[in-house]
C-alpha atoms as a PDB file:
ATOM      1  CA  MET A   1    -117.772 -69.606  45.369  1.00  0.00           C
ATOM      2  CA  ASN A   2    -118.883 -67.795  48.682  1.00  0.00           C
ATOM      3  CA  SER A   3    -116.376 -67.283  50.979  1.00  0.00           C
ATOM      4  CA  VAL A   4    -116.698 -66.358  54.570  1.00  0.00           C
ATOM      5  CA  VAL A   5    -115.029 -63.242  55.315  1.00  0.00           C
ATOM      6  CA  PRO A   6    -113.917 -63.253  59.664  1.00  0.00           C
ATOM      7  CA  PRO A   7    -115.517 -60.953  61.710  1.00  0.00           C
ATOM      8  CA  VAL A   8    -113.491 -57.485  61.818  1.00  0.00           C
ATOM      9  CA  ASP A   9    -112.942 -55.584  65.323  1.00  0.00           C
ATOM     10  CA  VAL A  10    -115.222 -51.769  65.337  1.00  0.00           C
ATOM     11  CA  SER A  11    -112.128 -50.040  65.800  1.00  0.00           C
ATOM     12  CA  ASP A  12    -110.196 -51.751  62.770  1.00  0.00           C
ATOM     13  CA  ALA A  13    -113.360 -51.379  60.712  1.00  0.00           C
ATOM     14  CA  TYR A  14    -113.068 -47.828  61.491  1.00  0.00           C
ATOM     15  CA  ARG A  15    -111.189 -46.695  58.343  1.00  0.00           C
ATOM     16  CA  PHE A  16    -111.943 -42.857  57.494  1.00  0.00           C
ATOM     17  CA  CYS A  17    -113.266 -40.332  60.083  1.00  0.00           C
ATOM     18  CA  PRO A  18    -117.014 -40.391  60.156  1.00  0.00           C
ATOM     19  CA  ILE A  19    -116.028 -36.208  60.795  1.00  0.00           C
ATOM     20  CA  CYS A  20    -113.669 -35.151  57.956  1.00  0.00           C
ATOM     21  CA  GLY A  21    -113.462 -38.174  55.777  1.00  0.00           C
ATOM     22  CA  ALA A  22    -109.704 -38.507  56.248  1.00  0.00           C
ATOM     23  CA  ALA A  23    -108.478 -41.964  55.796  1.00  0.00           C
ATOM     24  CA  ARG A  24    -106.910 -43.514  58.215  1.00  0.00           C
ATOM     25  CA  SER A  25    -102.990 -43.664  58.452  1.00  0.00           C
ATOM     26  CA  GLN A  26    -102.439 -45.596  61.615  1.00  0.00           C
ATOM     27  CA  PHE A  27    -103.734 -48.451  62.898  1.00  0.00           C
ATOM     28  CA  GLU A  28    -102.370 -48.947  66.029  1.00  0.00           C
ATOM     29  CA  PRO A  29    -102.957 -48.812  68.423  1.00  0.00           C
ATOM     30  CA  ALA A  30    -106.485 -49.423  67.409  1.00  0.00           C
ATOM     31  CA  ARG A  31    -108.258 -48.165  70.491  1.00  0.00           C
ATOM     32  CA  PRO A  32    -108.818 -44.912  70.657  1.00  0.00           C
ATOM     33  CA  PHE A  33    -109.375 -43.585  66.845  1.00  0.00           C
ATOM     34  CA  ARG A  34    -107.600 -39.836  66.344  1.00  0.00           C
ATOM     35  CA  CYS A  35    -107.776 -38.609  62.977  1.00  0.00           C
ATOM     36  CA  LYS A  36    -104.680 -36.807  62.115  1.00  0.00           C
ATOM     37  CA  SER A  37    -106.225 -34.595  59.916  1.00  0.00           C
ATOM     38  CA  CYS A  38    -109.258 -32.883  62.255  1.00  0.00           C
ATOM     39  CA  GLY A  39    -108.657 -34.176  65.677  1.00  0.00           C
ATOM     40  CA  HIS A  40    -111.430 -36.309  66.147  1.00  0.00           C
ATOM     41  CA  THR A  41    -111.349 -39.043  68.597  1.00  0.00           C
ATOM     42  CA  SER A  42    -113.506 -42.235  69.235  1.00  0.00           C
ATOM     43  CA  PHE A  43    -113.043 -44.570  72.090  1.00  0.00           C
ATOM     44  CA  PHE A  44    -114.515 -47.753  70.877  1.00  0.00           C
ATOM     45  CA  GLY A  45    -116.081 -48.132  74.470  1.00  0.00           C
ATOM     46  CA  PRO A  46    -118.401 -50.642  74.764  1.00  0.00           C
ATOM     47  CA  VAL A  47    -122.505 -51.236  74.319  1.00  0.00           C
ATOM     48  CA  THR A  48    -124.584 -51.742  77.301  1.00  0.00           C
ATOM     49  CA  ALA A  49    -126.680 -55.021  77.519  1.00  0.00           C
ATOM     50  CA  VAL A  50    -128.890 -56.117  79.659  1.00  0.00           C
ATOM     51  CA  GLY A  51    -130.056 -60.229  80.881  1.00  0.00           C
ATOM     52  CA  GLY A  52    -132.894 -61.204  83.244  1.00  0.00           C
ATOM     53  CA  VAL A  53    -132.814 -64.306  85.399  1.00  0.00           C
ATOM     54  CA  ILE A  54    -136.143 -64.368  85.303  1.00  0.00           C
ATOM     55  CA  VAL A  55    -137.929 -67.061  87.923  1.00  0.00           C
ATOM     56  CA  ASN A  56    -141.565 -68.225  88.490  1.00  0.00           C
ATOM     57  CA  GLY A  57    -143.525 -68.930  91.661  1.00  0.00           C
ATOM     58  CA  GLU A  58    -142.153 -72.716  91.119  1.00  0.00           C
ATOM     59  CA  GLY A  59    -138.520 -71.090  91.267  1.00  0.00           C
ATOM     60  CA  LYS A  60    -137.577 -72.175  87.292  1.00  0.00           C
ATOM     61  CA  VAL A  61    -135.617 -69.438  85.183  1.00  0.00           C
ATOM     62  CA  LEU A  62    -137.587 -68.018  81.929  1.00  0.00           C
ATOM     63  CA  LEU A  63    -135.332 -69.112  79.220  1.00  0.00           C
ATOM     64  CA  ILE A  64    -135.415 -67.867  75.495  1.00  0.00           C
ATOM     65  CA  GLU A  65    -134.748 -69.962  72.244  1.00  0.00           C
ATOM     66  CA  ARG A  66    -132.521 -66.941  69.950  1.00  0.00           C
ATOM     67  CA  ALA A  67    -134.645 -66.941  66.395  1.00  0.00           C
ATOM     68  CA  ARG A  68    -131.871 -65.008  64.766  1.00  0.00           C
ATOM     69  CA  ASP A  69    -127.679 -64.671  64.961  1.00  0.00           C
ATOM     70  CA  PRO A  70    -125.632 -64.101  66.504  1.00  0.00           C
ATOM     71  CA  GLY A  71    -126.742 -67.782  68.305  1.00  0.00           C
ATOM     72  CA  ALA A  72    -129.747 -68.864  66.413  1.00  0.00           C
ATOM     73  CA  GLY A  73    -131.511 -71.957  67.800  1.00  0.00           C
ATOM     74  CA  LYS A  74    -129.104 -71.771  71.239  1.00  0.00           C
ATOM     75  CA  LEU A  75    -130.688 -70.134  74.540  1.00  0.00           C
ATOM     76  CA  GLY A  76    -130.565 -66.770  75.893  1.00  0.00           C
ATOM     77  CA  MET A  77    -131.979 -64.998  78.811  1.00  0.00           C
ATOM     78  CA  PRO A  78    -134.832 -62.081  78.007  1.00  0.00           C
ATOM     79  CA  GLY A  79    -132.730 -58.864  76.991  1.00  0.00           C
ATOM     80  CA  GLY A  80    -130.740 -56.530  74.905  1.00  0.00           C
ATOM     81  CA  PHE A  81    -129.212 -53.596  74.113  1.00  0.00           C
ATOM     82  CA  VAL A  82    -129.994 -50.612  76.076  1.00  0.00           C
ATOM     83  CA  ASP A  83    -131.124 -47.773  74.335  1.00  0.00           C
ATOM     84  CA  PRO A  84    -129.780 -44.372  74.519  1.00  0.00           C
ATOM     85  CA  TYR A  85    -131.159 -42.225  77.117  1.00  0.00           C
ATOM     86  CA  GLU A  86    -132.638 -45.383  78.919  1.00  0.00           C
ATOM     87  CA  THR A  87    -131.679 -46.876  82.642  1.00  0.00           C
ATOM     88  CA  ALA A  88    -130.449 -50.728  82.817  1.00  0.00           C
ATOM     89  CA  GLU A  89    -133.454 -51.244  84.511  1.00  0.00           C
ATOM     90  CA  GLU A  90    -135.899 -49.654  82.122  1.00  0.00           C
ATOM     91  CA  SER A  91    -134.372 -51.334  79.443  1.00  0.00           C
ATOM     92  CA  LEU A  92    -134.675 -55.015  80.869  1.00  0.00           C
ATOM     93  CA  HIS A  93    -138.314 -54.185  80.997  1.00  0.00           C
ATOM     94  CA  ARG A  94    -138.719 -52.974  77.846  1.00  0.00           C
ATOM     95  CA  GLU A  95    -136.690 -55.592  76.320  1.00  0.00           C
ATOM     96  CA  VAL A  96    -139.000 -58.684  78.512  1.00  0.00           C
ATOM     97  CA  TRP A  97    -142.125 -57.239  77.832  1.00  0.00           C
ATOM     98  CA  GLU A  98    -141.105 -56.874  73.327  1.00  0.00           C
ATOM     99  CA  GLU A  99    -139.486 -60.433  73.724  1.00  0.00           C
ATOM    100  CA  VAL A 100    -141.448 -62.678  76.091  1.00  0.00           C
ATOM    101  CA  GLY A 101    -145.035 -60.484  76.527  1.00  0.00           C
ATOM    102  CA  VAL A 102    -144.271 -60.452  80.409  1.00  0.00           C
ATOM    103  CA  LYS A 103    -143.849 -58.058  83.303  1.00  0.00           C
ATOM    104  CA  ILE A 104    -141.494 -57.820  85.880  1.00  0.00           C
ATOM    105  CA  GLU A 105    -140.771 -57.182  89.673  1.00  0.00           C
ATOM    106  CA  GLY A 106    -138.117 -57.207  91.976  1.00  0.00           C
ATOM    107  CA  LEU A 107    -135.265 -56.635  90.193  1.00  0.00           C
ATOM    108  CA  ARG A 108    -131.568 -56.715  91.667  1.00  0.00           C
ATOM    109  CA  PHE A 109    -128.560 -56.348  90.740  1.00  0.00           C
ATOM    110  CA  LEU A 110    -126.407 -59.696  90.430  1.00  0.00           C
ATOM    111  CA  MET A 111    -123.440 -59.612  87.974  1.00  0.00           C
ATOM    112  CA  ASN A 112    -121.773 -58.004  84.691  1.00  0.00           C
ATOM    113  CA  HIS A 113    -119.345 -59.676  82.165  1.00  0.00           C
ATOM    114  CA  PRO A 114    -117.824 -58.255  79.104  1.00  0.00           C
ATOM    115  CA  ASN A 115    -118.973 -59.933  75.828  1.00  0.00           C
ATOM    116  CA  ARG A 116    -118.191 -59.785  72.146  1.00  0.00           C
ATOM    117  CA  TYR A 117    -121.228 -59.356  70.016  1.00  0.00           C
ATOM    118  CA  THR A 118    -120.369 -59.899  66.071  1.00  0.00           C
ATOM    119  CA  TYR A 119    -122.907 -58.095  63.498  1.00  0.00           C
ATOM    120  CA  HIS A 120    -122.825 -58.788  59.792  1.00  0.00           C
ATOM    121  CA  GLY A 121    -119.202 -58.838  60.328  1.00  0.00           C
ATOM    122  CA  ILE A 122    -118.122 -56.406  62.725  1.00  0.00           C
ATOM    123  CA  THR A 123    -117.273 -57.255  66.149  1.00  0.00           C
ATOM    124  CA  SER A 124    -118.360 -54.757  69.143  1.00  0.00           C
ATOM    125  CA  PRO A 125    -117.568 -54.857  72.918  1.00  0.00           C
ATOM    126  CA  VAL A 126    -120.547 -55.410  74.810  1.00  0.00           C
ATOM    127  CA  LEU A 127    -120.606 -54.838  78.843  1.00  0.00           C
ATOM    128  CA  ASP A 128    -123.929 -57.247  79.876  1.00  0.00           C
ATOM    129  CA  LEU A 129    -125.083 -56.102  83.237  1.00  0.00           C
ATOM    130  CA  PHE A 130    -127.448 -59.282  84.970  1.00  0.00           C
ATOM    131  CA  TYR A 131    -130.352 -58.836  86.788  1.00  0.00           C
ATOM    132  CA  PHE A 132    -132.774 -60.889  88.804  1.00  0.00           C
ATOM    133  CA  ALA A 133    -136.234 -60.375  88.566  1.00  0.00           C
ATOM    134  CA  LYS A 134    -139.711 -62.760  89.571  1.00  0.00           C
ATOM    135  CA  VAL A 135    -142.247 -62.720  86.707  1.00  0.00           C
ATOM    136  CA  CYS A 136    -145.359 -60.938  87.520  1.00  0.00           C
ATOM    137  CA  ASP A 137    -147.793 -63.826  88.546  1.00  0.00           C
ATOM    138  CA  SER A 138    -150.193 -65.231  86.110  1.00  0.00           C
ATOM    139  CA  GLN A 139    -148.470 -63.866  82.787  1.00  0.00           C
ATOM    140  CA  VAL A 140    -148.547 -66.117  80.087  1.00  0.00           C
ATOM    141  CA  VAL A 141    -145.200 -65.893  77.738  1.00  0.00           C
ATOM    142  CA  SER A 142    -145.820 -64.758  74.215  1.00  0.00           C
ATOM    143  CA  VAL A 143    -142.821 -64.655  72.212  1.00  0.00           C
ATOM    144  CA  ALA A 144    -141.789 -61.844  69.367  1.00  0.00           C
ATOM    145  CA  ALA A 145    -141.378 -64.235  66.606  1.00  0.00           C
ATOM    146  CA  SER A 146    -138.638 -61.948  65.172  1.00  0.00           C
ATOM    147  CA  GLU A 147    -136.271 -62.448  68.139  1.00  0.00           C
ATOM    148  CA  VAL A 148    -137.219 -65.457  69.681  1.00  0.00           C
ATOM    149  CA  SER A 149    -138.338 -69.074  68.652  1.00  0.00           C
ATOM    150  CA  GLY A 150    -139.432 -70.648  71.608  1.00  0.00           C
ATOM    151  CA  TRP A 151    -139.197 -69.862  75.220  1.00  0.00           C
ATOM    152  CA  MET A 152    -139.536 -72.477  78.491  1.00  0.00           C
ATOM    153  CA  TRP A 153    -139.540 -72.501  82.133  1.00  0.00           C
ATOM    154  CA  THR A 154    -136.644 -74.393  83.310  1.00  0.00           C
ATOM    155  CA  GLU A 155    -134.244 -75.974  86.345  1.00  0.00           C
ATOM    156  CA  LEU A 156    -130.508 -74.671  85.343  1.00  0.00           C
ATOM    157  CA  THR A 157    -129.349 -78.153  84.657  1.00  0.00           C
ATOM    158  CA  PRO A 158    -125.760 -78.530  83.261  1.00  0.00           C
ATOM    159  CA  GLU A 159    -127.231 -79.647  79.987  1.00  0.00           C
ATOM    160  CA  VAL A 160    -128.947 -76.615  79.845  1.00  0.00           C
ATOM    161  CA  LEU A 161    -126.673 -74.164  80.371  1.00  0.00           C
ATOM    162  CA  ASP A 162    -124.757 -75.801  77.722  1.00  0.00           C
ATOM    163  CA  ARG A 163    -126.727 -74.693  75.231  1.00  0.00           C
ATOM    164  CA  MET A 164    -126.484 -70.954  76.225  1.00  0.00           C
ATOM    165  CA  ALA A 165    -125.784 -68.876  72.912  1.00  0.00           C
ATOM    166  CA  PHE A 166    -123.264 -66.687  74.855  1.00  0.00           C
ATOM    167  CA  GLU A 167    -120.711 -67.881  77.504  1.00  0.00           C
ATOM    168  CA  SER A 168    -121.583 -63.887  79.436  1.00  0.00           C
ATOM    169  CA  ASN A 169    -125.330 -65.633  80.092  1.00  0.00           C
ATOM    170  CA  ARG A 170    -123.863 -68.854  81.228  1.00  0.00           C
ATOM    171  CA  LEU A 171    -122.146 -67.275  84.282  1.00  0.00           C
ATOM    172  CA  ALA A 172    -124.684 -65.128  85.023  1.00  0.00           C
ATOM    173  CA  LEU A 173    -126.897 -68.514  85.672  1.00  0.00           C
ATOM    174  CA  GLU A 174    -124.092 -70.263  87.539  1.00  0.00           C
ATOM    175  CA  HIS A 175    -123.653 -66.879  89.581  1.00  0.00           C
ATOM    176  CA  TYR A 176    -126.982 -67.191  90.178  1.00  0.00           C
ATOM    177  CA  LEU A 177    -127.231 -70.932  91.041  1.00  0.00           C
ATOM    178  CA  SER A 178    -124.646 -70.533  93.348  1.00  0.00           C
ATOM    179  CA  LEU A 179    -126.157 -67.805  95.364  1.00  0.00           C
ATOM    180  CA  SER A 180    -129.360 -69.666  95.828  1.00  0.00           C
ATOM    181  CA  ARG A 181    -127.573 -72.458  97.324  1.00  0.00           C
END
């Protein structure tokens, strides 16, 4: 029988000090982790992710269908995690190119929102940064099959918004809609 293990918050998963290896002796508060043996401290701050509200010349938004969990089969925006020493804007350009093979221009910050991302049973806090961008003219979408199982240029109807993998993505798209009215 295969039992499902509930996800664990990253701060609770930190059972040993990564510097000296001492066992964690106290779990409250979970943040920050402070090793009583060597004094090492980890704050478990959020990782940063970016998402793009990418619009074509007809005013339609590019959405992807996620190929893997979390949210496999649901819709998302092109985007992903910011790499070390990369700006959010550089990251969005890179992620959009990697996922859908198009170049974007005219980036403008739209909003941010906290998120939770569960991967292999560990839940990490994430700060999602959302940008508006236009696709460069005559770009043909080509998906990275490992991350994206499909894509669409679409109007943001309630039915489309109900298919979003992450609540933060839905909120960003609703914010975009409120600004474009």
